[in-house]
PDB file of all heavy atoms in Angstrom:
ATOM      1  N   THR A   1      26.071   4.375 -14.583  1.00  0.00           N
ATOM      2  CA  THR A   1      25.373   4.176 -13.315  1.00  0.00           C
ATOM      3  C   THR A   1      23.878   4.140 -13.498  1.00  0.00           C
ATOM      4  O   THR A   1      23.166   3.246 -13.031  1.00  0.00           O
ATOM      5  CB  THR A   1      25.739   5.308 -12.330  1.00  0.00           C
ATOM      6  OG1 THR A   1      27.156   5.273 -12.087  1.00  0.00           O
ATOM      7  CG2 THR A   1      24.997   5.121 -11.024  1.00  0.00           C
ATOM      8  N   PHE A   2      23.343   5.126 -14.253  1.00  0.00           N
ATOM      9  CA  PHE A   2      21.904   5.155 -14.501  1.00  0.00           C
ATOM     10  C   PHE A   2      21.472   4.013 -15.414  1.00  0.00           C
ATOM     11  O   PHE A   2      20.358   3.484 -15.286  1.00  0.00           O
ATOM     12  CB  PHE A   2      21.506   6.503 -15.089  1.00  0.00           C
ATOM     13  CG  PHE A   2      21.509   7.629 -14.077  1.00  0.00           C
ATOM     14  CD1 PHE A   2      22.570   8.508 -13.997  1.00  0.00           C
ATOM     15  CD2 PHE A   2      20.447   7.779 -13.187  1.00  0.00           C
ATOM     16  CE1 PHE A   2      22.582   9.533 -13.063  1.00  0.00           C
ATOM     17  CE2 PHE A   2      20.453   8.801 -12.242  1.00  0.00           C
ATOM     18  CZ  PHE A   2      21.520   9.681 -12.177  1.00  0.00           C
ATOM     19  N   ALA A   3      22.349   3.629 -16.353  1.00  0.00           N
ATOM     20  CA  ALA A   3      22.023   2.493 -17.233  1.00  0.00           C
ATOM     21  C   ALA A   3      21.911   1.210 -16.421  1.00  0.00           C
ATOM     22  O   ALA A   3      21.048   0.359 -16.708  1.00  0.00           O
ATOM     23  CB  ALA A   3      23.099   2.355 -18.316  1.00  0.00           C
ATOM     24  N   THR A   4      22.751   1.063 -15.413  1.00  0.00           N
ATOM     25  CA  THR A   4      22.652  -0.129 -14.539  1.00  0.00           C
ATOM     26  C   THR A   4      21.328  -0.156 -13.798  1.00  0.00           C
ATOM     27  O   THR A   4      20.678  -1.213 -13.683  1.00  0.00           O
ATOM     28  CB  THR A   4      23.817  -0.122 -13.524  1.00  0.00           C
ATOM     29  OG1 THR A   4      25.060  -0.104 -14.210  1.00  0.00           O
ATOM     30  CG2 THR A   4      23.753  -1.342 -12.616  1.00  0.00           C
ATOM     31  N   ILE A   5      20.907   0.996 -13.326  1.00  0.00           N
ATOM     32  CA  ILE A   5      19.625   1.055 -12.595  1.00  0.00           C
ATOM     33  C   ILE A   5      18.466   0.723 -13.529  1.00  0.00           C
ATOM     34  O   ILE A   5      17.543  -0.026 -13.155  1.00  0.00           O
ATOM     35  CB  ILE A   5      19.439   2.460 -11.984  1.00  0.00           C
ATOM     36  CG1 ILE A   5      20.537   2.713 -10.932  1.00  0.00           C
ATOM     37  CG2 ILE A   5      18.070   2.602 -11.346  1.00  0.00           C
ATOM     38  CD1 ILE A   5      20.540   4.130 -10.390  1.00  0.00           C
ATOM     39  N   ARG A   6      18.512   1.279 -14.773  1.00  0.00           N
ATOM     40  CA  ARG A   6      17.428   0.979 -15.723  1.00  0.00           C
ATOM     41  C   ARG A   6      17.395  -0.494 -16.103  1.00  0.00           C
ATOM     42  O   ARG A   6      16.317  -1.070 -16.258  1.00  0.00           O
ATOM     43  CB  ARG A   6      17.587   1.857 -16.965  1.00  0.00           C
ATOM     44  CG  ARG A   6      17.343   3.340 -16.745  1.00  0.00           C
ATOM     45  CD  ARG A   6      17.191   4.052 -18.067  1.00  0.00           C
ATOM     46  NE  ARG A   6      18.365   3.889 -18.908  1.00  0.00           N
ATOM     47  CZ  ARG A   6      19.403   4.719 -18.939  1.00  0.00           C
ATOM     48  NH1 ARG A   6      19.423   5.776 -18.125  1.00  0.00           N
ATOM     49  NH2 ARG A   6      20.424   4.504 -19.747  1.00  0.00           N
ATOM     50  N   ALA A   7      18.574  -1.090 -16.285  1.00  0.00           N
ATOM     51  CA  ALA A   7      18.617  -2.481 -16.765  1.00  0.00           C
ATOM     52  C   ALA A   7      18.356  -3.485 -15.651  1.00  0.00           C
ATOM     53  O   ALA A   7      17.944  -4.607 -15.918  1.00  0.00           O
ATOM     54  CB  ALA A   7      20.000  -2.762 -17.393  1.00  0.00           C
ATOM     55  N   ASN A   8      18.606  -3.092 -14.396  1.00  0.00           N
ATOM     56  CA  ASN A   8      18.421  -4.006 -13.273  1.00  0.00           C
ATOM     57  C   ASN A   8      17.609  -3.360 -12.173  1.00  0.00           C
ATOM     58  O   ASN A   8      18.132  -3.175 -11.032  1.00  0.00           O
ATOM     59  CB  ASN A   8      19.805  -4.438 -12.728  1.00  0.00           C
ATOM     60  CG  ASN A   8      20.668  -5.114 -13.743  1.00  0.00           C
ATOM     61  OD1 ASN A   8      20.619  -6.336 -13.935  1.00  0.00           O
ATOM     62  ND2 ASN A   8      21.488  -4.333 -14.444  1.00  0.00           N
ATOM     63  N   PRO A   9      16.378  -2.989 -12.436  1.00  0.00           N
ATOM     64  CA  PRO A   9      15.599  -2.276 -11.402  1.00  0.00           C
ATOM     65  C   PRO A   9      15.373  -3.119 -10.165  1.00  0.00           C
ATOM     66  O   PRO A   9      15.344  -2.592  -9.034  1.00  0.00           O
ATOM     67  CB  PRO A   9      14.292  -1.947 -12.127  1.00  0.00           C
ATOM     68  CG  PRO A   9      14.191  -2.949 -13.231  1.00  0.00           C
ATOM     69  CD  PRO A   9      15.599  -3.186 -13.666  1.00  0.00           C
ATOM     70  N   GLY A  10      15.203  -4.421 -10.333  1.00  0.00           N
ATOM     71  CA  GLY A  10      14.945  -5.267  -9.173  1.00  0.00           C
ATOM     72  C   GLY A  10      16.152  -5.360  -8.260  1.00  0.00           C
ATOM     73  O   GLY A  10      16.034  -5.302  -7.032  1.00  0.00           O
ATOM     74  N   ALA A  11      17.359  -5.531  -8.857  1.00  0.00           N
ATOM     75  CA  ALA A  11      18.561  -5.719  -8.053  1.00  0.00           C
ATOM     76  C   ALA A  11      19.132  -4.406  -7.561  1.00  0.00           C
ATOM     77  O   ALA A  11      20.053  -4.408  -6.740  1.00  0.00           O
ATOM     78  CB  ALA A  11      19.613  -6.455  -8.869  1.00  0.00           C
ATOM     79  N   THR A  12      18.637  -3.263  -8.041  1.00  0.00           N
ATOM     80  CA  THR A  12      19.116  -1.960  -7.578  1.00  0.00           C
ATOM     81  C   THR A  12      18.030  -1.283  -6.742  1.00  0.00           C
ATOM     82  O   THR A  12      18.122  -1.239  -5.523  1.00  0.00           O
ATOM     83  CB  THR A  12      19.527  -1.072  -8.763  1.00  0.00           C
ATOM     84  OG1 THR A  12      18.447  -1.001  -9.713  1.00  0.00           O
ATOM     85  CG2 THR A  12      20.748  -1.655  -9.470  1.00  0.00           C
ATOM     86  N   ILE A  13      16.996  -0.770  -7.414  1.00  0.00           N
ATOM     87  CA  ILE A  13      15.917  -0.080  -6.711  1.00  0.00           C
ATOM     88  C   ILE A  13      15.181  -1.038  -5.790  1.00  0.00           C
ATOM     89  O   ILE A  13      14.847  -0.705  -4.646  1.00  0.00           O
ATOM     90  CB  ILE A  13      14.945   0.562  -7.703  1.00  0.00           C
ATOM     91  CG1 ILE A  13      15.679   1.614  -8.567  1.00  0.00           C
ATOM     92  CG2 ILE A  13      13.790   1.213  -6.982  1.00  0.00           C
ATOM     93  CD1 ILE A  13      16.228   2.754  -7.780  1.00  0.00           C
ATOM     94  N   GLY A  14      14.892  -2.257  -6.288  1.00  0.00           N
ATOM     95  CA  GLY A  14      14.119  -3.206  -5.497  1.00  0.00           C
ATOM     96  C   GLY A  14      14.805  -3.606  -4.210  1.00  0.00           C
ATOM     97  O   GLY A  14      14.213  -3.564  -3.121  1.00  0.00           O
ATOM     98  N   VAL A  15      16.086  -4.006  -4.301  1.00  0.00           N
ATOM     99  CA  VAL A  15      16.841  -4.428  -3.120  1.00  0.00           C
ATOM    100  C   VAL A  15      17.007  -3.239  -2.162  1.00  0.00           C
ATOM    101  O   VAL A  15      16.884  -3.372  -0.954  1.00  0.00           O
ATOM    102  CB  VAL A  15      18.204  -5.013  -3.517  1.00  0.00           C
ATOM    103  CG1 VAL A  15      19.076  -5.237  -2.271  1.00  0.00           C
ATOM    104  CG2 VAL A  15      18.002  -6.319  -4.268  1.00  0.00           C
ATOM    105  N   THR A  16      17.305  -2.062  -2.727  1.00  0.00           N
ATOM    106  CA  THR A  16      17.471  -0.878  -1.872  1.00  0.00           C
ATOM    107  C   THR A  16      16.173  -0.540  -1.156  1.00  0.00           C
ATOM    108  O   THR A  16      16.180  -0.243   0.055  1.00  0.00           O
ATOM    109  CB  THR A  16      17.924   0.316  -2.744  1.00  0.00           C
ATOM    110  OG1 THR A  16      19.127  -0.023  -3.426  1.00  0.00           O
ATOM    111  CG2 THR A  16      18.170   1.545  -1.860  1.00  0.00           C
ATOM    112  N   LEU A  17      15.075  -0.571  -1.887  1.00  0.00           N
ATOM    113  CA  LEU A  17      13.779  -0.231  -1.290  1.00  0.00           C
ATOM    114  C   LEU A  17      13.408  -1.208  -0.174  1.00  0.00           C
ATOM    115  O   LEU A  17      12.978  -0.815   0.906  1.00  0.00           O
ATOM    116  CB  LEU A  17      12.691  -0.209  -2.359  1.00  0.00           C
ATOM    117  CG  LEU A  17      11.260   0.073  -1.896  1.00  0.00           C
ATOM    118  CD1 LEU A  17      11.193   1.472  -1.276  1.00  0.00           C
ATOM    119  CD2 LEU A  17      10.275  -0.040  -3.041  1.00  0.00           C
ATOM    120  N   ALA A  18      13.603  -2.504  -0.459  1.00  0.00           N
ATOM    121  CA  ALA A  18      13.214  -3.507   0.529  1.00  0.00           C
ATOM    122  C   ALA A  18      14.054  -3.423   1.801  1.00  0.00           C
ATOM    123  O   ALA A  18      13.536  -3.428   2.926  1.00  0.00           O
ATOM    124  CB  ALA A  18      13.342  -4.908  -0.086  1.00  0.00           C
ATOM    125  N   SER A  19      15.380  -3.326   1.640  1.00  0.00           N
ATOM    126  CA  SER A  19      16.254  -3.273   2.806  1.00  0.00           C
ATOM    127  C   SER A  19      16.126  -1.943   3.553  1.00  0.00           C
ATOM    128  O   SER A  19      16.126  -1.903   4.792  1.00  0.00           O
ATOM    129  CB  SER A  19      17.719  -3.499   2.398  1.00  0.00           C
ATOM    130  OG  SER A  19      18.082  -2.611   1.356  1.00  0.00           O
ATOM    131  N   ALA A  20      15.973  -0.837   2.790  1.00  0.00           N
ATOM    132  CA  ALA A  20      15.803   0.452   3.459  1.00  0.00           C
ATOM    133  C   ALA A  20      14.474   0.530   4.191  1.00  0.00           C
ATOM    134  O   ALA A  20      14.359   1.211   5.216  1.00  0.00           O
ATOM    135  CB  ALA A  20      15.909   1.586   2.427  1.00  0.00           C
ATOM    136  N   ALA A  21      13.461  -0.158   3.670  1.00  0.00           N
ATOM    137  CA  ALA A  21      12.150  -0.164   4.351  1.00  0.00           C
ATOM    138  C   ALA A  21      12.263  -0.790   5.729  1.00  0.00           C
ATOM    139  O   ALA A  21      11.666  -0.310   6.712  1.00  0.00           O
ATOM    140  CB  ALA A  21      11.124  -0.899   3.504  1.00  0.00           C
ATOM    141  N   VAL A  22      13.048  -1.871   5.825  1.00  0.00           N
ATOM    142  CA  VAL A  22      13.240  -2.523   7.124  1.00  0.00           C
ATOM    143  C   VAL A  22      13.957  -1.589   8.089  1.00  0.00           C
ATOM    144  O   VAL A  22      13.542  -1.417   9.247  1.00  0.00           O
ATOM    145  CB  VAL A  22      14.058  -3.836   6.949  1.00  0.00           C
ATOM    146  CG1 VAL A  22      14.360  -4.441   8.320  1.00  0.00           C
ATOM    147  CG2 VAL A  22      13.289  -4.818   6.097  1.00  0.00           C
ATOM    148  N   VAL A  23      15.018  -0.937   7.586  1.00  0.00           N
ATOM    149  CA  VAL A  23      15.786  -0.034   8.439  1.00  0.00           C
ATOM    150  C   VAL A  23      14.934   1.156   8.891  1.00  0.00           C
ATOM    151  O   VAL A  23      14.945   1.542  10.073  1.00  0.00           O
ATOM    152  CB  VAL A  23      17.048   0.444   7.691  1.00  0.00           C
ATOM    153  CG1 VAL A  23      17.735   1.585   8.471  1.00  0.00           C
ATOM    154  CG2 VAL A  23      18.016  -0.703   7.494  1.00  0.00           C
ATOM    155  N   GLU A  24      14.216   1.770   7.969  1.00  0.00           N
ATOM    156  CA  GLU A  24      13.391   2.919   8.321  1.00  0.00           C
ATOM    157  C   GLU A  24      12.255   2.560   9.258  1.00  0.00           C
ATOM    158  O   GLU A  24      11.879   3.357  10.125  1.00  0.00           O
ATOM    159  CB  GLU A  24      12.840   3.588   7.045  1.00  0.00           C
ATOM    160  CG  GLU A  24      13.880   4.329   6.237  1.00  0.00           C
ATOM    161  CD  GLU A  24      14.524   5.460   7.004  1.00  0.00           C
ATOM    162  OE1 GLU A  24      13.875   6.019   7.911  1.00  0.00           O
ATOM    163  OE2 GLU A  24      15.681   5.782   6.720  1.00  0.00           O
ATOM    164  N   THR A  25      11.699   1.368   9.101  1.00  0.00           N
ATOM    165  CA  THR A  25      10.648   0.932  10.026  1.00  0.00           C
ATOM    166  C   THR A  25      11.167   0.814  11.442  1.00  0.00           C
ATOM    167  O   THR A  25      10.549   1.302  12.397  1.00  0.00           O
ATOM    168  CB  THR A  25      10.063  -0.431   9.557  1.00  0.00           C
ATOM    169  OG1 THR A  25       9.509  -0.286   8.248  1.00  0.00           O
ATOM    170  CG2 THR A  25       8.994  -0.914  10.529  1.00  0.00           C
ATOM    171  N   ILE A  26      12.349   0.186  11.578  1.00  0.00           N
ATOM    172  CA  ILE A  26      12.934   0.045  12.911  1.00  0.00           C
ATOM    173  C   ILE A  26      13.299   1.423  13.485  1.00  0.00           C
ATOM    174  O   ILE A  26      13.031   1.703  14.659  1.00  0.00           O
ATOM    175  CB  ILE A  26      14.191  -0.851  12.846  1.00  0.00           C
ATOM    176  CG1 ILE A  26      13.792  -2.276  12.400  1.00  0.00           C
ATOM    177  CG2 ILE A  26      14.896  -0.892  14.184  1.00  0.00           C
ATOM    178  CD1 ILE A  26      14.989  -3.200  12.194  1.00  0.00           C
ATOM    179  N   SER A  27      13.876   2.288  12.640  1.00  0.00           N
ATOM    180  CA  SER A  27      14.258   3.611  13.106  1.00  0.00           C
ATOM    181  C   SER A  27      13.058   4.425  13.540  1.00  0.00           C
ATOM    182  O   SER A  27      13.108   5.154  14.548  1.00  0.00           O
ATOM    183  CB  SER A  27      15.014   4.371  11.992  1.00  0.00           C
ATOM    184  OG  SER A  27      16.208   3.686  11.646  1.00  0.00           O
ATOM    185  N   THR A  28      11.968   4.304  12.792  1.00  0.00           N
ATOM    186  CA  THR A  28      10.744   5.046  13.140  1.00  0.00           C
ATOM    187  C   THR A  28      10.148   4.550  14.450  1.00  0.00           C
ATOM    188  O   THR A  28       9.722   5.342  15.298  1.00  0.00           O
ATOM    189  CB  THR A  28       9.711   4.912  12.012  1.00  0.00           C
ATOM    190  OG1 THR A  28      10.261   5.426  10.785  1.00  0.00           O
ATOM    191  CG2 THR A  28       8.437   5.672  12.350  1.00  0.00           C
ATOM    192  N   VAL A  29      10.125   3.231  14.625  1.00  0.00           N
ATOM    193  CA  VAL A  29       9.612   2.656  15.885  1.00  0.00           C
ATOM    194  C   VAL A  29      10.456   3.127  17.067  1.00  0.00           C
ATOM    195  O   VAL A  29       9.940   3.483  18.135  1.00  0.00           O
ATOM    196  CB  VAL A  29       9.585   1.126  15.791  1.00  0.00           C
ATOM    197  CG1 VAL A  29       9.273   0.532  17.168  1.00  0.00           C
ATOM    198  CG2 VAL A  29       8.554   0.673  14.776  1.00  0.00           C
ATOM    199  N   VAL A  30      11.796   3.130  16.895  1.00  0.00           N
ATOM    200  CA  VAL A  30      12.680   3.571  17.966  1.00  0.00           C
ATOM    201  C   VAL A  30      12.433   5.038  18.278  1.00  0.00           C
ATOM    202  O   VAL A  30      12.387   5.464  19.442  1.00  0.00           O
ATOM    203  CB  VAL A  30      14.160   3.345  17.565  1.00  0.00           C
ATOM    204  CG1 VAL A  30      15.109   4.025  18.567  1.00  0.00           C
ATOM    205  CG2 VAL A  30      14.447   1.858  17.487  1.00  0.00           C
ATOM    206  N   ALA A  31      12.280   5.875  17.229  1.00  0.00           N
ATOM    207  CA  ALA A  31      12.047   7.305  17.443  1.00  0.00           C
ATOM    208  C   ALA A  31      10.736   7.560  18.182  1.00  0.00           C
ATOM    209  O   ALA A  31      10.667   8.423  19.069  1.00  0.00           O
ATOM    210  CB  ALA A  31      12.041   8.034  16.103  1.00  0.00           C
ATOM    211  N   ILE A  32       9.700   6.802  17.821  1.00  0.00           N
ATOM    212  CA  ILE A  32       8.420   6.973  18.490  1.00  0.00           C
ATOM    213  C   ILE A  32       8.481   6.540  19.947  1.00  0.00           C
ATOM    214  O   ILE A  32       7.979   7.207  20.851  1.00  0.00           O
ATOM    215  CB  ILE A  32       7.329   6.195  17.735  1.00  0.00           C
ATOM    216  CG1 ILE A  32       7.090   6.801  16.339  1.00  0.00           C
ATOM    217  CG2 ILE A  32       6.007   6.180  18.516  1.00  0.00           C
ATOM    218  CD1 ILE A  32       6.154   5.994  15.468  1.00  0.00           C
ATOM    219  N   SER A  33       9.134   5.397  20.182  1.00  0.00           N
ATOM    220  CA  SER A  33       9.168   4.840  21.533  1.00  0.00           C
ATOM    221  C   SER A  33      10.060   5.656  22.472  1.00  0.00           C
ATOM    222  O   SER A  33       9.882   5.575  23.707  1.00  0.00           O
ATOM    223  CB  SER A  33       9.658   3.396  21.494  1.00  0.00           C
ATOM    224  OG  SER A  33      10.953   3.317  20.944  1.00  0.00           O
ATOM    225  N   THR A  34      11.025   6.401  21.959  1.00  0.00           N
ATOM    226  CA  THR A  34      11.902   7.192  22.825  1.00  0.00           C
ATOM    227  C   THR A  34      11.559   8.664  22.838  1.00  0.00           C
ATOM    228  O   THR A  34      12.338   9.493  23.322  1.00  0.00           O
ATOM    229  CB  THR A  34      13.367   7.041  22.358  1.00  0.00           C
ATOM    230  OG1 THR A  34      13.479   7.463  20.980  1.00  0.00           O
ATOM    231  CG2 THR A  34      13.820   5.578  22.459  1.00  0.00           C
ATOM    232  N   GLU A  35      10.395   9.012  22.276  1.00  0.00           N
ATOM    233  CA  GLU A  35       9.990  10.418  22.159  1.00  0.00           C
ATOM    234  C   GLU A  35       9.976  11.105  23.532  1.00  0.00           C
ATOM    235  O   GLU A  35      10.442  12.227  23.699  1.00  0.00           O
ATOM    236  CB  GLU A  35       8.627  10.514  21.499  1.00  0.00           C
ATOM    237  CG  GLU A  35       8.117  11.923  21.300  1.00  0.00           C
ATOM    238  CD  GLU A  35       8.885  12.662  20.215  1.00  0.00           C
ATOM    239  OE1 GLU A  35       9.426  11.996  19.314  1.00  0.00           O
ATOM    240  OE2 GLU A  35       8.938  13.910  20.270  1.00  0.00           O
ATOM    241  N   ASN A  36       9.408  10.435  24.543  1.00  0.00           N
ATOM    242  CA  ASN A  36       9.272  11.046  25.865  1.00  0.00           C
ATOM    243  C   ASN A  36      10.164  10.367  26.911  1.00  0.00           C
ATOM    244  O   ASN A  36       9.916  10.465  28.125  1.00  0.00           O
ATOM    245  CB  ASN A  36       7.819  10.964  26.324  1.00  0.00           C
ATOM    246  CG  ASN A  36       6.884  11.728  25.407  1.00  0.00           C
ATOM    247  OD1 ASN A  36       7.197  12.845  24.967  1.00  0.00           O
ATOM    248  ND2 ASN A  36       5.738  11.130  25.102  1.00  0.00           N
ATOM    249  N   ALA A  37      11.204   9.680  26.462  1.00  0.00           N
ATOM    250  CA  ALA A  37      12.097   8.975  27.368  1.00  0.00           C
ATOM    251  C   ALA A  37      13.143   9.928  27.947  1.00  0.00           C
ATOM    252  O   ALA A  37      13.203  11.114  27.607  1.00  0.00           O
ATOM    253  CB  ALA A  37      12.759   7.811  26.655  1.00  0.00           C
ATOM    254  N   SER A  38      13.990   9.390  28.816  1.00  0.00           N
ATOM    255  CA  SER A  38      15.060  10.197  29.397  1.00  0.00           C
ATOM    256  C   SER A  38      16.096  10.581  28.352  1.00  0.00           C
ATOM    257  O   SER A  38      16.123  10.032  27.234  1.00  0.00           O
ATOM    258  CB  SER A  38      15.728   9.417  30.541  1.00  0.00           C
ATOM    259  OG  SER A  38      16.336   8.248  30.024  1.00  0.00           O
ATOM    260  N   THR A  39      16.983  11.489  28.743  1.00  0.00           N
ATOM    261  CA  THR A  39      18.009  11.968  27.805  1.00  0.00           C
ATOM    262  C   THR A  39      18.931  10.835  27.353  1.00  0.00           C
ATOM    263  O   THR A  39      19.294  10.730  26.183  1.00  0.00           O
ATOM    264  CB  THR A  39      18.844  13.090  28.447  1.00  0.00           C
ATOM    265  OG1 THR A  39      17.981  14.138  28.866  1.00  0.00           O
ATOM    266  CG2 THR A  39      19.875  13.631  27.474  1.00  0.00           C
ATOM    267  N   GLY A  40      19.319   9.955  28.303  1.00  0.00           N
ATOM    268  CA  GLY A  40      20.191   8.853  27.955  1.00  0.00           C
ATOM    269  C   GLY A  40      19.559   7.891  26.972  1.00  0.00           C
ATOM    270  O   GLY A  40      20.191   7.424  26.017  1.00  0.00           O
ATOM    271  N   VAL A  41      18.282   7.590  27.212  1.00  0.00           N
ATOM    272  CA  VAL A  41      17.598   6.665  26.323  1.00  0.00           C
ATOM    273  C   VAL A  41      17.408   7.296  24.942  1.00  0.00           C
ATOM    274  O   VAL A  41      17.555   6.622  23.910  1.00  0.00           O
ATOM    275  CB  VAL A  41      16.223   6.274  26.924  1.00  0.00           C
ATOM    276  CG1 VAL A  41      15.428   5.420  25.936  1.00  0.00           C
ATOM    277  CG2 VAL A  41      16.432   5.499  28.221  1.00  0.00           C
ATOM    278  N   ARG A  42      17.135   8.562  24.911  1.00  0.00           N
ATOM    279  CA  ARG A  42      16.970   9.242  23.625  1.00  0.00           C
ATOM    280  C   ARG A  42      18.282   9.288  22.854  1.00  0.00           C
ATOM    281  O   ARG A  42      18.308   9.152  21.626  1.00  0.00           O
ATOM    282  CB  ARG A  42      16.434  10.656  23.843  1.00  0.00           C
ATOM    283  CG  ARG A  42      15.021  10.695  24.401  1.00  0.00           C
ATOM    284  CD  ARG A  42      14.502  12.101  24.509  1.00  0.00           C
ATOM    285  NE  ARG A  42      14.372  12.751  23.206  1.00  0.00           N
ATOM    286  CZ  ARG A  42      13.904  13.998  23.053  1.00  0.00           C
ATOM    287  NH1 ARG A  42      13.567  14.735  24.125  1.00  0.00           N
ATOM    288  NH2 ARG A  42      13.790  14.500  21.855  1.00  0.00           N
ATOM    289  N   ALA A  43      19.384   9.472  23.588  1.00  0.00           N
ATOM    290  CA  ALA A  43      20.711   9.450  22.919  1.00  0.00           C
ATOM    291  C   ALA A  43      20.974   8.069  22.344  1.00  0.00           C
ATOM    292  O   ALA A  43      21.497   7.928  21.228  1.00  0.00           O
ATOM    293  CB  ALA A  43      21.796   9.836  23.920  1.00  0.00           C
ATOM    294  N   LEU A  44      20.621   7.015  23.098  1.00  0.00           N
ATOM    295  CA  LEU A  44      20.787   5.663  22.601  1.00  0.00           C
ATOM    296  C   LEU A  44      19.900   5.427  21.382  1.00  0.00           C
ATOM    297  O   LEU A  44      20.298   4.764  20.397  1.00  0.00           O
ATOM    298  CB  LEU A  44      20.455   4.663  23.701  1.00  0.00           C
ATOM    299  CG  LEU A  44      20.608   3.166  23.324  1.00  0.00           C
ATOM    300  CD1 LEU A  44      22.057   2.871  22.971  1.00  0.00           C
ATOM    301  CD2 LEU A  44      20.159   2.291  24.504  1.00  0.00           C
ATOM    302  N   GLY A  45      18.678   5.987  21.446  1.00  0.00           N
ATOM    303  CA  GLY A  45      17.779   5.852  20.308  1.00  0.00           C
ATOM    304  C   GLY A  45      18.291   6.563  19.062  1.00  0.00           C
ATOM    305  O   GLY A  45      17.954   6.176  17.938  1.00  0.00           O
ATOM    306  N   THR A  46      19.116   7.581  19.237  1.00  0.00           N
ATOM    307  CA  THR A  46      19.707   8.263  18.111  1.00  0.00           C
ATOM    308  C   THR A  46      20.821   7.431  17.484  1.00  0.00           C
ATOM    309  O   THR A  46      21.031   7.477  16.269  1.00  0.00           O
ATOM    310  CB  THR A  46      20.287   9.630  18.555  1.00  0.00           C
ATOM    311  OG1 THR A  46      19.233  10.402  19.153  1.00  0.00           O
ATOM    312  CG2 THR A  46      20.862  10.391  17.371  1.00  0.00           C
ATOM    313  N   LEU A  47      21.542   6.670  18.299  1.00  0.00           N
ATOM    314  CA  LEU A  47      22.635   5.859  17.790  1.00  0.00           C
ATOM    315  C   LEU A  47      22.134   4.648  16.991  1.00  0.00           C
ATOM    316  O   LEU A  47      22.804   4.184  16.064  1.00  0.00           O
ATOM    317  CB  LEU A  47      23.517   5.346  18.930  1.00  0.00           C
ATOM    318  CG  LEU A  47      24.316   6.423  19.701  1.00  0.00           C
ATOM    319  CD1 LEU A  47      25.080   5.794  20.846  1.00  0.00           C
ATOM    320  CD2 LEU A  47      25.271   7.152  18.734  1.00  0.00           C
TER     321      LEU A  47
END
């Protein structure tokens, strides 16, 4: 497993970092925008 990561950093770490960055950016924006929202909206923001 670790040998695969070392031999293919772009296709393992690179792809993971790029795709996770998109997901975390959207999740962070949702968390910020629902910080002071109603309970229902905050629950939706958690999903």
